[in-house]
Amino acid sequence: MADTTVKVSSETRDRLAAVAEAHGMSLRAFLADLAVQEENHLKLTRATAVFREVTGRPGIAEAFDAAFPDDAPVPRDAAPRVA
């Protein structure tokens, strides 16, 4: 993979380097890890929005329970109590 240059202010570079050092990482490794984390955060945000949309539809919980009858949670009053 070829290297590239990203221009940031000296202040930003120093701040990022300090955070990387605090994590015991090089700036290069920290930025690579940060990019992965941010990509995952964006994907999770989109997935959460879709999940909330789908689960908010009327009847979806009942349809799920009907499709997977053996996977329904045990009602609280029927669950064994732990001492």
Protein backbone atom coordinates (compact mmCIF):
# COMPACT_ATOMS: atom_id res chain seq x y z
CA MET A 1 0.00 0.00 0.00
CA ALA A 2 1.37 3.40 -0.92
CA ASP A 3 1.71 6.12 1.68
CA THR A 4 -0.01 9.44 1.30
CA THR A 5 0.20 12.79 3.00
CA VAL A 6 -2.66 14.44 4.83
CA LYS A 7 -2.21 18.08 5.72
CA VAL A 8 -3.39 19.11 9.15
CA SER A 9 -2.33 21.91 11.42
CA SER A 10 0.64 21.33 13.72
CA GLU A 11 -1.73 21.62 16.67
CA THR A 12 -3.99 18.87 15.31
CA ARG A 13 -1.01 16.65 14.53
CA ASP A 14 0.36 17.13 18.05
CA ARG A 15 -3.00 16.40 19.65
CA LEU A 16 -3.44 13.23 17.60
CA ALA A 17 0.12 12.14 18.39
CA ALA A 18 -0.49 12.68 22.12
CA VAL A 19 -3.67 10.60 22.04
CA ALA A 20 -1.90 7.87 20.05
CA GLU A 21 0.95 7.83 22.55
CA ALA A 22 -1.52 7.58 25.44
CA HIS A 23 -2.89 4.45 23.77
CA GLY A 24 0.61 3.09 23.27
CA MET A 25 0.30 3.36 19.50
CA SER A 26 2.13 5.06 16.69
CA LEU A 27 0.23 7.89 15.03
CA ARG A 28 -0.04 5.78 11.86
CA ALA A 29 -1.55 2.82 13.75
CA PHE A 30 -3.83 5.09 15.78
CA LEU A 31 -5.25 6.77 12.67
CA ALA A 32 -5.78 3.41 10.96
CA ASP A 33 -7.60 2.11 14.05
CA LEU A 34 -9.61 5.33 14.34
CA ALA A 35 -10.76 4.98 10.73
CA VAL A 36 -11.99 1.42 11.38
CA GLN A 37 -13.77 2.50 14.56
CA GLU A 38 -15.51 5.37 12.79
CA GLU A 39 -16.57 3.13 9.89
CA ASN A 40 -18.02 0.66 12.39
CA HIS A 41 -19.80 3.45 14.24
CA LEU A 42 -21.42 4.67 11.01
CA LYS A 43 -22.54 1.14 10.12
CA LEU A 44 -23.94 0.58 13.60
CA THR A 45 -25.79 3.90 13.47
CA ARG A 46 -27.42 2.94 10.16
CA ALA A 47 -28.24 -0.55 11.42
CA THR A 48 -29.80 0.89 14.57
CA ALA A 49 -32.02 3.18 12.52
CA VAL A 50 -33.23 0.27 10.38
CA PHE A 51 -33.77 -1.90 13.45
CA ARG A 52 -35.85 0.80 15.13
CA GLU A 53 -37.89 1.34 11.98
CA VAL A 54 -38.63 -2.36 11.54
CA THR A 55 -39.33 -3.13 15.19
CA GLY A 56 -41.62 -0.12 15.42
CA ARG A 57 -44.00 -1.53 12.83
CA PRO A 58 -47.29 -2.78 14.27
CA GLY A 59 -47.41 -6.54 14.67
CA ILE A 60 -43.72 -7.17 14.07
CA ALA A 61 -43.11 -8.69 17.52
CA GLU A 62 -46.08 -10.99 17.13
CA ALA A 63 -44.96 -12.01 13.63
CA PHE A 64 -41.47 -12.77 14.93
CA ASP A 65 -42.84 -14.87 17.78
CA ALA A 66 -45.07 -16.77 15.35
CA ALA A 67 -42.15 -17.43 12.98
CA PHE A 68 -39.83 -18.58 15.79
CA PRO A 69 -42.09 -20.09 18.46
CA ASP A 70 -39.31 -22.09 20.12
CA ASP A 71 -37.11 -19.01 20.53
CA ALA A 72 -39.52 -16.82 22.47
CA PRO A 73 -38.22 -15.66 25.85
CA VAL A 74 -39.61 -17.30 28.96
CA PRO A 75 -42.13 -14.97 30.69
CA ARG A 76 -40.72 -13.48 33.90
CA ASP A 77 -43.30 -15.13 36.13
CA ALA A 78 -42.50 -18.56 34.62
CA ALA A 79 -38.72 -18.28 34.89
CA PRO A 80 -37.05 -20.14 37.77
CA ARG A 81 -35.76 -17.89 40.52
CA VAL A 82 -32.13 -17.89 41.52
CA ALA A 83 -31.43 -17.73 45.24
